[in-house]
N, C-alpha and C. Protein backbone atom coordinates (compact mmCIF):
# COMPACT_ATOMS: atom_id res chain seq x y z
N MET A 1 -18.80 12.49 25.06
CA MET A 1 -18.31 12.80 23.73
C MET A 1 -16.80 12.61 23.71
N LYS A 2 -16.33 11.70 22.91
CA LYS A 2 -14.89 11.54 22.69
C LYS A 2 -14.71 11.33 21.21
N MET A 3 -13.80 12.08 20.61
CA MET A 3 -13.52 11.97 19.18
C MET A 3 -12.04 11.66 19.02
N VAL A 4 -11.71 10.81 18.04
CA VAL A 4 -10.33 10.39 17.83
C VAL A 4 -9.97 10.54 16.35
N LEU A 5 -8.75 11.02 16.09
CA LEU A 5 -8.16 11.09 14.75
C LEU A 5 -6.72 10.66 14.89
N ASP A 6 -6.37 9.57 14.21
CA ASP A 6 -5.04 8.98 14.37
C ASP A 6 -4.84 8.72 15.86
N ASP A 7 -3.86 9.36 16.48
CA ASP A 7 -3.60 9.12 17.90
C ASP A 7 -4.00 10.32 18.77
N ILE A 8 -4.80 11.23 18.21
CA ILE A 8 -5.22 12.42 18.94
C ILE A 8 -6.70 12.30 19.25
N SER A 9 -7.08 12.64 20.48
CA SER A 9 -8.49 12.61 20.83
C SER A 9 -8.89 13.89 21.54
N LEU A 10 -10.19 14.17 21.50
CA LEU A 10 -10.79 15.28 22.23
C LEU A 10 -11.74 14.69 23.25
N ARG A 11 -11.70 15.23 24.46
CA ARG A 11 -12.62 14.83 25.51
C ARG A 11 -12.98 16.06 26.33
N PRO A 12 -14.10 16.04 27.02
CA PRO A 12 -14.48 17.20 27.84
C PRO A 12 -13.43 17.47 28.93
N THR A 13 -13.16 18.75 29.16
CA THR A 13 -12.27 19.18 30.22
C THR A 13 -12.95 18.95 31.56
N THR A 14 -12.17 18.53 32.56
CA THR A 14 -12.68 18.36 33.92
C THR A 14 -12.00 19.39 34.83
N ILE A 15 -12.55 19.54 36.01
CA ILE A 15 -11.96 20.45 37.00
C ILE A 15 -10.52 20.04 37.30
N ILE A 16 -10.26 18.76 37.31
CA ILE A 16 -8.90 18.25 37.59
C ILE A 16 -7.90 18.73 36.55
N ASP A 17 -8.35 18.98 35.32
CA ASP A 17 -7.47 19.42 34.23
C ASP A 17 -7.08 20.90 34.32
N LEU A 18 -7.79 21.67 35.13
CA LEU A 18 -7.66 23.13 35.05
C LEU A 18 -6.29 23.68 35.44
N ASP A 19 -5.58 23.06 36.37
CA ASP A 19 -4.24 23.55 36.70
C ASP A 19 -3.34 23.51 35.46
N LEU A 20 -3.42 22.42 34.72
CA LEU A 20 -2.61 22.29 33.51
C LEU A 20 -3.11 23.24 32.41
N VAL A 21 -4.41 23.42 32.30
CA VAL A 21 -4.98 24.37 31.33
C VAL A 21 -4.42 25.76 31.58
N ILE A 22 -4.44 26.19 32.83
CA ILE A 22 -3.92 27.52 33.19
C ILE A 22 -2.42 27.60 32.90
N GLN A 23 -1.70 26.55 33.21
CA GLN A 23 -0.26 26.51 32.95
C GLN A 23 0.02 26.64 31.45
N MET A 24 -0.73 25.92 30.61
CA MET A 24 -0.54 26.00 29.16
C MET A 24 -0.86 27.39 28.64
N GLU A 25 -1.92 27.97 29.18
CA GLU A 25 -2.35 29.30 28.77
C GLU A 25 -1.27 30.35 29.05
N ARG A 26 -0.56 30.17 30.14
CA ARG A 26 0.43 31.16 30.57
C ARG A 26 1.84 30.84 30.12
N ASP A 27 2.01 29.74 29.40
CA ASP A 27 3.32 29.38 28.85
C ASP A 27 3.81 30.51 27.94
N TYR A 28 5.10 30.76 27.96
CA TYR A 28 5.65 31.90 27.20
C TYR A 28 5.37 31.80 25.70
N GLU A 29 5.25 30.59 25.16
CA GLU A 29 4.96 30.43 23.73
C GLU A 29 3.50 30.73 23.40
N ASN A 30 2.63 30.71 24.39
CA ASN A 30 1.20 30.89 24.16
C ASN A 30 0.65 32.22 24.65
N GLU A 31 1.23 32.76 25.72
CA GLU A 31 0.61 33.90 26.40
C GLU A 31 0.42 35.13 25.51
N GLY A 32 1.25 35.32 24.51
CA GLY A 32 1.10 36.47 23.63
C GLY A 32 -0.04 36.34 22.65
N PHE A 33 -0.57 35.14 22.49
CA PHE A 33 -1.63 34.89 21.52
C PHE A 33 -2.96 34.52 22.17
N ILE A 34 -2.99 34.44 23.50
CA ILE A 34 -4.18 33.96 24.20
C ILE A 34 -4.51 34.88 25.36
N ARG A 35 -5.78 35.27 25.44
CA ARG A 35 -6.23 36.02 26.61
C ARG A 35 -6.24 35.11 27.81
N GLN A 36 -5.76 35.60 28.91
CA GLN A 36 -5.68 34.81 30.14
C GLN A 36 -7.04 34.77 30.83
N TRP A 37 -7.48 33.57 31.14
CA TRP A 37 -8.73 33.38 31.87
C TRP A 37 -8.41 32.94 33.29
N SER A 38 -9.28 33.30 34.21
CA SER A 38 -9.14 32.84 35.59
C SER A 38 -9.63 31.40 35.68
N VAL A 39 -9.28 30.73 36.77
CA VAL A 39 -9.77 29.38 37.00
C VAL A 39 -11.30 29.40 37.06
N ASP A 40 -11.86 30.43 37.70
CA ASP A 40 -13.32 30.52 37.80
C ASP A 40 -13.99 30.66 36.43
N LYS A 41 -13.36 31.41 35.53
CA LYS A 41 -13.94 31.55 34.18
C LYS A 41 -13.90 30.21 33.45
N HIS A 42 -12.79 29.47 33.59
CA HIS A 42 -12.72 28.13 32.98
C HIS A 42 -13.76 27.20 33.60
N LYS A 43 -13.92 27.24 34.92
CA LYS A 43 -14.93 26.41 35.59
C LYS A 43 -16.32 26.73 35.06
N SER A 44 -16.60 27.99 34.90
CA SER A 44 -17.89 28.42 34.38
C SER A 44 -18.09 27.89 32.96
N ALA A 45 -17.04 27.95 32.14
CA ALA A 45 -17.13 27.46 30.77
C ALA A 45 -17.39 25.96 30.73
N ILE A 46 -16.73 25.23 31.62
CA ILE A 46 -16.91 23.77 31.67
C ILE A 46 -18.36 23.40 31.98
N SER A 47 -19.01 24.19 32.81
CA SER A 47 -20.38 23.86 33.22
C SER A 47 -21.45 24.48 32.32
N ASP A 48 -21.07 25.25 31.34
CA ASP A 48 -22.01 25.93 30.45
C ASP A 48 -22.32 25.03 29.24
N ASP A 49 -23.60 24.72 29.04
CA ASP A 49 -24.01 23.85 27.93
C ASP A 49 -23.77 24.44 26.55
N SER A 50 -23.59 25.76 26.47
CA SER A 50 -23.37 26.39 25.18
C SER A 50 -21.89 26.46 24.81
N ILE A 51 -21.03 25.93 25.69
CA ILE A 51 -19.58 25.95 25.48
C ILE A 51 -19.05 24.52 25.51
N ALA A 52 -18.17 24.23 24.56
CA ALA A 52 -17.44 22.96 24.58
C ALA A 52 -16.00 23.28 24.99
N HIS A 53 -15.63 22.90 26.18
CA HIS A 53 -14.26 23.08 26.71
C HIS A 53 -13.64 21.69 26.65
N LEU A 54 -12.68 21.50 25.75
CA LEU A 54 -12.19 20.17 25.42
C LEU A 54 -10.69 20.03 25.61
N ILE A 55 -10.28 18.87 26.07
CA ILE A 55 -8.87 18.53 26.22
C ILE A 55 -8.42 17.77 24.98
N ILE A 56 -7.26 18.15 24.44
CA ILE A 56 -6.61 17.41 23.37
C ILE A 56 -5.62 16.48 24.05
N GLU A 57 -5.72 15.19 23.74
CA GLU A 57 -4.78 14.27 24.36
C GLU A 57 -4.35 13.18 23.40
N SER A 58 -3.24 12.57 23.72
CA SER A 58 -2.77 11.41 22.99
C SER A 58 -3.71 10.27 23.35
N ALA A 59 -4.34 9.68 22.35
CA ALA A 59 -5.34 8.64 22.60
C ALA A 59 -4.71 7.41 23.25
N SER A 60 -3.49 7.09 22.88
CA SER A 60 -2.87 5.87 23.41
C SER A 60 -2.23 6.10 24.77
N GLU A 61 -1.60 7.24 24.96
CA GLU A 61 -0.87 7.50 26.20
C GLU A 61 -1.68 8.27 27.22
N LYS A 62 -2.81 8.83 26.81
CA LYS A 62 -3.64 9.68 27.69
C LYS A 62 -2.83 10.88 28.21
N ARG A 63 -1.91 11.36 27.39
CA ARG A 63 -1.08 12.52 27.73
C ARG A 63 -1.76 13.77 27.18
N ILE A 64 -1.94 14.77 28.04
CA ILE A 64 -2.60 16.01 27.61
C ILE A 64 -1.67 16.81 26.72
N LEU A 65 -2.19 17.15 25.53
CA LEU A 65 -1.41 17.89 24.53
C LEU A 65 -1.86 19.33 24.39
N GLY A 66 -3.05 19.65 24.89
CA GLY A 66 -3.56 21.01 24.76
C GLY A 66 -5.02 21.06 25.12
N TYR A 67 -5.67 22.16 24.75
CA TYR A 67 -7.11 22.30 24.98
C TYR A 67 -7.74 23.22 23.96
N ILE A 68 -9.06 23.13 23.87
CA ILE A 68 -9.85 23.87 22.89
C ILE A 68 -11.09 24.41 23.59
N ILE A 69 -11.53 25.60 23.14
CA ILE A 69 -12.80 26.15 23.60
C ILE A 69 -13.63 26.53 22.38
N LEU A 70 -14.86 26.03 22.34
CA LEU A 70 -15.82 26.36 21.29
C LEU A 70 -17.04 27.02 21.94
N LEU A 71 -17.50 28.12 21.36
CA LEU A 71 -18.65 28.86 21.88
C LEU A 71 -19.84 28.74 20.93
N GLY A 72 -21.03 28.86 21.48
CA GLY A 72 -22.24 28.87 20.66
C GLY A 72 -22.70 27.49 20.23
N ILE A 73 -22.45 26.51 21.06
CA ILE A 73 -22.82 25.14 20.73
C ILE A 73 -24.33 25.01 20.44
N ASN A 74 -25.13 25.81 21.11
CA ASN A 74 -26.59 25.77 20.92
C ASN A 74 -27.11 26.92 20.08
N ASP A 75 -26.25 27.56 19.32
CA ASP A 75 -26.64 28.73 18.54
C ASP A 75 -27.75 28.37 17.55
N PRO A 76 -28.89 29.09 17.59
CA PRO A 76 -30.02 28.75 16.71
C PRO A 76 -29.72 28.95 15.22
N ASP A 77 -28.71 29.76 14.92
CA ASP A 77 -28.35 29.99 13.52
C ASP A 77 -27.27 29.03 13.03
N GLY A 78 -26.82 28.15 13.90
CA GLY A 78 -25.84 27.14 13.48
C GLY A 78 -24.43 27.67 13.35
N ASN A 79 -24.09 28.70 14.12
CA ASN A 79 -22.74 29.26 14.12
C ASN A 79 -22.02 28.83 15.39
N ILE A 80 -20.84 28.25 15.23
CA ILE A 80 -19.99 27.90 16.37
C ILE A 80 -18.71 28.70 16.25
N GLU A 81 -18.34 29.35 17.35
CA GLU A 81 -17.08 30.10 17.37
C GLU A 81 -15.97 29.21 17.91
N PHE A 82 -14.91 29.09 17.14
CA PHE A 82 -13.71 28.37 17.54
C PHE A 82 -12.88 29.39 18.33
N LYS A 83 -13.17 29.48 19.62
CA LYS A 83 -12.62 30.55 20.46
C LYS A 83 -11.14 30.39 20.75
N ARG A 84 -10.71 29.15 21.01
CA ARG A 84 -9.33 29.00 21.45
C ARG A 84 -8.82 27.60 21.18
N ILE A 85 -7.53 27.55 20.81
CA ILE A 85 -6.79 26.30 20.77
C ILE A 85 -5.42 26.58 21.36
N VAL A 86 -5.01 25.73 22.27
CA VAL A 86 -3.67 25.82 22.86
C VAL A 86 -3.04 24.44 22.74
N VAL A 87 -1.85 24.40 22.16
CA VAL A 87 -1.11 23.15 22.01
C VAL A 87 0.22 23.30 22.73
N ARG A 88 0.55 22.31 23.55
CA ARG A 88 1.78 22.36 24.36
C ARG A 88 3.04 22.18 23.52
N GLU A 89 3.04 21.21 22.64
CA GLU A 89 4.23 20.89 21.85
C GLU A 89 4.00 21.33 20.41
N LYS A 90 4.72 22.35 20.00
CA LYS A 90 4.55 22.91 18.67
C LYS A 90 5.33 22.10 17.63
N GLY A 91 4.84 22.15 16.39
CA GLY A 91 5.57 21.57 15.26
C GLY A 91 5.48 20.06 15.13
N LYS A 92 4.56 19.43 15.84
CA LYS A 92 4.43 17.97 15.77
C LYS A 92 3.13 17.53 15.10
N GLY A 93 2.35 18.49 14.60
CA GLY A 93 1.11 18.15 13.90
C GLY A 93 -0.10 18.00 14.80
N TYR A 94 0.08 18.18 16.11
CA TYR A 94 -1.04 18.04 17.03
C TYR A 94 -2.11 19.11 16.77
N GLY A 95 -1.69 20.32 16.50
CA GLY A 95 -2.64 21.40 16.24
C GLY A 95 -3.48 21.13 15.01
N ARG A 96 -2.86 20.69 13.94
CA ARG A 96 -3.59 20.39 12.70
C ARG A 96 -4.63 19.27 12.94
N LYS A 97 -4.20 18.21 13.61
CA LYS A 97 -5.14 17.12 13.89
C LYS A 97 -6.28 17.59 14.79
N ALA A 98 -5.97 18.44 15.75
CA ALA A 98 -7.01 18.97 16.64
C ALA A 98 -7.99 19.84 15.86
N VAL A 99 -7.49 20.67 14.93
CA VAL A 99 -8.37 21.50 14.11
C VAL A 99 -9.29 20.60 13.28
N ARG A 100 -8.76 19.53 12.74
CA ARG A 100 -9.58 18.59 11.97
C ARG A 100 -10.66 17.95 12.84
N LEU A 101 -10.31 17.63 14.08
CA LEU A 101 -11.30 17.07 15.00
C LEU A 101 -12.36 18.10 15.35
N VAL A 102 -11.97 19.35 15.50
CA VAL A 102 -12.93 20.42 15.77
C VAL A 102 -13.92 20.55 14.61
N LYS A 103 -13.42 20.51 13.39
CA LYS A 103 -14.31 20.59 12.23
C LYS A 103 -15.27 19.40 12.21
N ARG A 104 -14.75 18.21 12.48
CA ARG A 104 -15.60 17.02 12.51
C ARG A 104 -16.68 17.16 13.60
N PHE A 105 -16.27 17.61 14.79
CA PHE A 105 -17.21 17.81 15.89
C PHE A 105 -18.29 18.82 15.50
N ALA A 106 -17.86 19.96 14.95
CA ALA A 106 -18.80 21.03 14.62
C ALA A 106 -19.79 20.62 13.53
N PHE A 107 -19.28 20.04 12.46
CA PHE A 107 -20.14 19.76 11.32
C PHE A 107 -20.83 18.40 11.37
N GLU A 108 -20.19 17.40 11.95
CA GLU A 108 -20.78 16.07 11.97
C GLU A 108 -21.55 15.79 13.26
N LYS A 109 -21.07 16.25 14.39
CA LYS A 109 -21.75 15.98 15.66
C LYS A 109 -22.76 17.08 16.00
N GLN A 110 -22.39 18.33 15.76
CA GLN A 110 -23.27 19.44 16.13
C GLN A 110 -24.12 19.94 14.97
N ASN A 111 -23.83 19.44 13.77
CA ASN A 111 -24.58 19.83 12.57
C ASN A 111 -24.62 21.35 12.40
N CYS A 112 -23.49 21.99 12.64
CA CYS A 112 -23.47 23.45 12.52
C CYS A 112 -23.38 23.86 11.05
N HIS A 113 -23.73 25.11 10.80
CA HIS A 113 -23.70 25.67 9.45
C HIS A 113 -22.36 26.38 9.18
N ARG A 114 -21.83 27.03 10.23
CA ARG A 114 -20.64 27.87 10.05
C ARG A 114 -19.77 27.77 11.29
N LEU A 115 -18.49 27.47 11.08
CA LEU A 115 -17.49 27.46 12.14
C LEU A 115 -16.58 28.65 11.88
N TRP A 116 -16.46 29.53 12.86
CA TRP A 116 -15.68 30.75 12.63
C TRP A 116 -14.72 31.00 13.78
N LEU A 117 -13.73 31.85 13.49
CA LEU A 117 -12.71 32.17 14.48
C LEU A 117 -12.12 33.54 14.21
N GLU A 118 -11.40 34.02 15.20
CA GLU A 118 -10.59 35.23 15.07
C GLU A 118 -9.16 34.82 15.37
N VAL A 119 -8.23 35.35 14.57
CA VAL A 119 -6.81 35.07 14.80
C VAL A 119 -6.07 36.40 14.81
N MET A 120 -5.17 36.56 15.78
CA MET A 120 -4.41 37.80 15.89
C MET A 120 -3.59 38.01 14.63
N GLU A 121 -3.55 39.26 14.17
CA GLU A 121 -2.87 39.58 12.92
C GLU A 121 -1.40 39.18 12.93
N ASN A 122 -0.78 39.11 14.10
CA ASN A 122 0.63 38.76 14.19
C ASN A 122 0.86 37.26 14.38
N ASN A 123 -0.19 36.46 14.33
CA ASN A 123 -0.06 35.02 14.53
C ASN A 123 -0.14 34.31 13.17
N GLN A 124 0.91 34.48 12.38
CA GLN A 124 0.94 33.91 11.03
C GLN A 124 0.92 32.39 11.02
N ARG A 125 1.53 31.78 12.01
CA ARG A 125 1.53 30.32 12.08
C ARG A 125 0.10 29.78 12.16
N ALA A 126 -0.70 30.36 13.03
CA ALA A 126 -2.09 29.92 13.17
C ALA A 126 -2.89 30.27 11.92
N TYR A 127 -2.70 31.46 11.38
CA TYR A 127 -3.44 31.89 10.19
C TYR A 127 -3.21 30.91 9.04
N LYS A 128 -1.96 30.55 8.82
CA LYS A 128 -1.63 29.62 7.73
C LYS A 128 -2.23 28.24 7.97
N LEU A 129 -2.25 27.79 9.21
CA LEU A 129 -2.86 26.51 9.53
C LEU A 129 -4.36 26.54 9.20
N TYR A 130 -5.06 27.57 9.68
CA TYR A 130 -6.50 27.66 9.43
C TYR A 130 -6.80 27.76 7.93
N GLU A 131 -6.02 28.55 7.23
CA GLU A 131 -6.21 28.70 5.79
C GLU A 131 -6.01 27.36 5.08
N SER A 132 -4.99 26.62 5.47
CA SER A 132 -4.72 25.32 4.85
C SER A 132 -5.79 24.28 5.20
N GLU A 133 -6.55 24.54 6.25
CA GLU A 133 -7.62 23.63 6.66
C GLU A 133 -9.00 24.09 6.16
N GLY A 134 -8.99 25.02 5.20
CA GLY A 134 -10.24 25.40 4.54
C GLY A 134 -10.95 26.62 5.08
N PHE A 135 -10.41 27.27 6.10
CA PHE A 135 -11.02 28.49 6.61
C PHE A 135 -10.77 29.63 5.62
N ILE A 136 -11.81 30.42 5.37
CA ILE A 136 -11.77 31.51 4.40
C ILE A 136 -11.73 32.84 5.14
N PRO A 137 -10.81 33.75 4.75
CA PRO A 137 -10.80 35.07 5.39
C PRO A 137 -12.09 35.82 5.10
N GLU A 138 -12.65 36.44 6.14
CA GLU A 138 -13.89 37.22 6.00
C GLU A 138 -13.67 38.71 6.19
N GLY A 139 -12.65 39.07 6.91
CA GLY A 139 -12.42 40.48 7.19
C GLY A 139 -11.54 40.65 8.41
N VAL A 140 -11.49 41.87 8.89
CA VAL A 140 -10.62 42.20 10.02
C VAL A 140 -11.41 43.03 11.02
N HIS A 141 -11.27 42.65 12.29
CA HIS A 141 -11.75 43.50 13.37
C HIS A 141 -10.56 44.37 13.75
N ARG A 142 -10.57 45.57 13.23
CA ARG A 142 -9.42 46.47 13.37
C ARG A 142 -9.20 46.90 14.82
N GLU A 143 -7.96 46.71 15.27
CA GLU A 143 -7.52 47.15 16.60
C GLU A 143 -8.57 46.89 17.67
N SER A 144 -9.05 45.67 17.73
CA SER A 144 -10.15 45.34 18.64
C SER A 144 -9.70 44.65 19.92
N LEU A 145 -8.43 44.33 20.03
CA LEU A 145 -7.91 43.63 21.20
C LEU A 145 -6.77 44.45 21.80
N LYS A 146 -6.91 44.80 23.06
CA LYS A 146 -5.87 45.58 23.72
C LYS A 146 -4.91 44.64 24.44
N GLN A 147 -3.64 44.78 24.12
CA GLN A 147 -2.58 44.04 24.80
C GLN A 147 -1.58 45.05 25.33
N GLY A 148 -1.55 45.16 26.64
CA GLY A 148 -0.68 46.17 27.23
C GLY A 148 -1.15 47.55 26.84
N ASP A 149 -0.27 48.30 26.18
CA ASP A 149 -0.63 49.66 25.77
C ASP A 149 -0.87 49.78 24.27
N LYS A 150 -0.99 48.65 23.57
CA LYS A 150 -1.26 48.72 22.14
C LYS A 150 -2.47 47.86 21.76
N TYR A 151 -3.02 48.17 20.60
CA TYR A 151 -4.18 47.44 20.09
C TYR A 151 -3.76 46.54 18.94
N ILE A 152 -4.40 45.38 18.88
CA ILE A 152 -4.10 44.39 17.85
C ILE A 152 -5.37 44.13 17.07
N SER A 153 -5.22 43.98 15.77
CA SER A 153 -6.35 43.63 14.91
C SER A 153 -6.52 42.12 14.87
N LEU A 154 -7.76 41.68 14.71
CA LEU A 154 -8.08 40.26 14.63
C LEU A 154 -8.63 39.94 13.25
N LYS A 155 -8.05 38.95 12.60
CA LYS A 155 -8.55 38.48 11.30
C LYS A 155 -9.67 37.47 11.57
N VAL A 156 -10.79 37.65 10.87
CA VAL A 156 -11.93 36.75 11.00
C VAL A 156 -11.89 35.76 9.85
N MET A 157 -12.07 34.48 10.18
CA MET A 157 -12.07 33.41 9.18
C MET A 157 -13.22 32.47 9.50
N SER A 158 -13.71 31.78 8.47
CA SER A 158 -14.75 30.79 8.72
C SER A 158 -14.71 29.70 7.66
N ILE A 159 -15.40 28.62 7.98
CA ILE A 159 -15.63 27.54 7.03
C ILE A 159 -17.11 27.15 7.17
N LEU A 160 -17.77 26.98 6.03
CA LEU A 160 -19.17 26.62 6.01
C LEU A 160 -19.32 25.11 5.87
N ALA A 161 -20.48 24.60 6.27
CA ALA A 161 -20.73 23.16 6.22
C ALA A 161 -20.53 22.61 4.81
N GLN A 162 -21.02 23.31 3.78
CA GLN A 162 -20.87 22.80 2.42
C GLN A 162 -19.42 22.80 1.97
N GLU A 163 -18.61 23.73 2.50
CA GLU A 163 -17.17 23.73 2.18
C GLU A 163 -16.49 22.56 2.86
N TYR A 164 -16.87 22.30 4.10
CA TYR A 164 -16.31 21.16 4.83
C TYR A 164 -16.63 19.85 4.12
N ARG A 165 -17.85 19.75 3.63
CA ARG A 165 -18.29 18.51 2.96
C ARG A 165 -17.81 18.43 1.52
N GLY A 166 -17.22 19.52 1.02
CA GLY A 166 -16.67 19.51 -0.33
C GLY A 166 -17.68 19.70 -1.43
N SER A 167 -18.84 20.27 -1.10
CA SER A 167 -19.84 20.49 -2.15
C SER A 167 -19.88 21.92 -2.62
């Protein structure tokens, strides 16, 4: 599976990619918004048929720009969770293009009914991106994520297949 939009592509993550995946996850710009996974957890995700662990890369240069994790690929109700997106270079449009590729993958390749996500309440940049890409707020998981000694609420958003298709 390889999907391309403009010069951005998605491809399955390999074991060779994991050092960079961990590095991106722990980057100071990302670590406050992303739960840290061990290498073993990423390896497990790569080998799990119900998870799509994908690398975002420049299609022409084959330069890794980030990664994505989608859960519930085989969900019988047609729900896919957009678990994670990490982009190395902010403000260049890579995240928006990757979100568009995720929607295409979910609705056109996987024929899902609903693509949903949780975004930390303090991550306004991501929230605005998802909203501008058609995700609708559904509610809040109040204080459901512990970071250090405080709890953070997660905003739940989704987009349905008919919304993606414009009907």
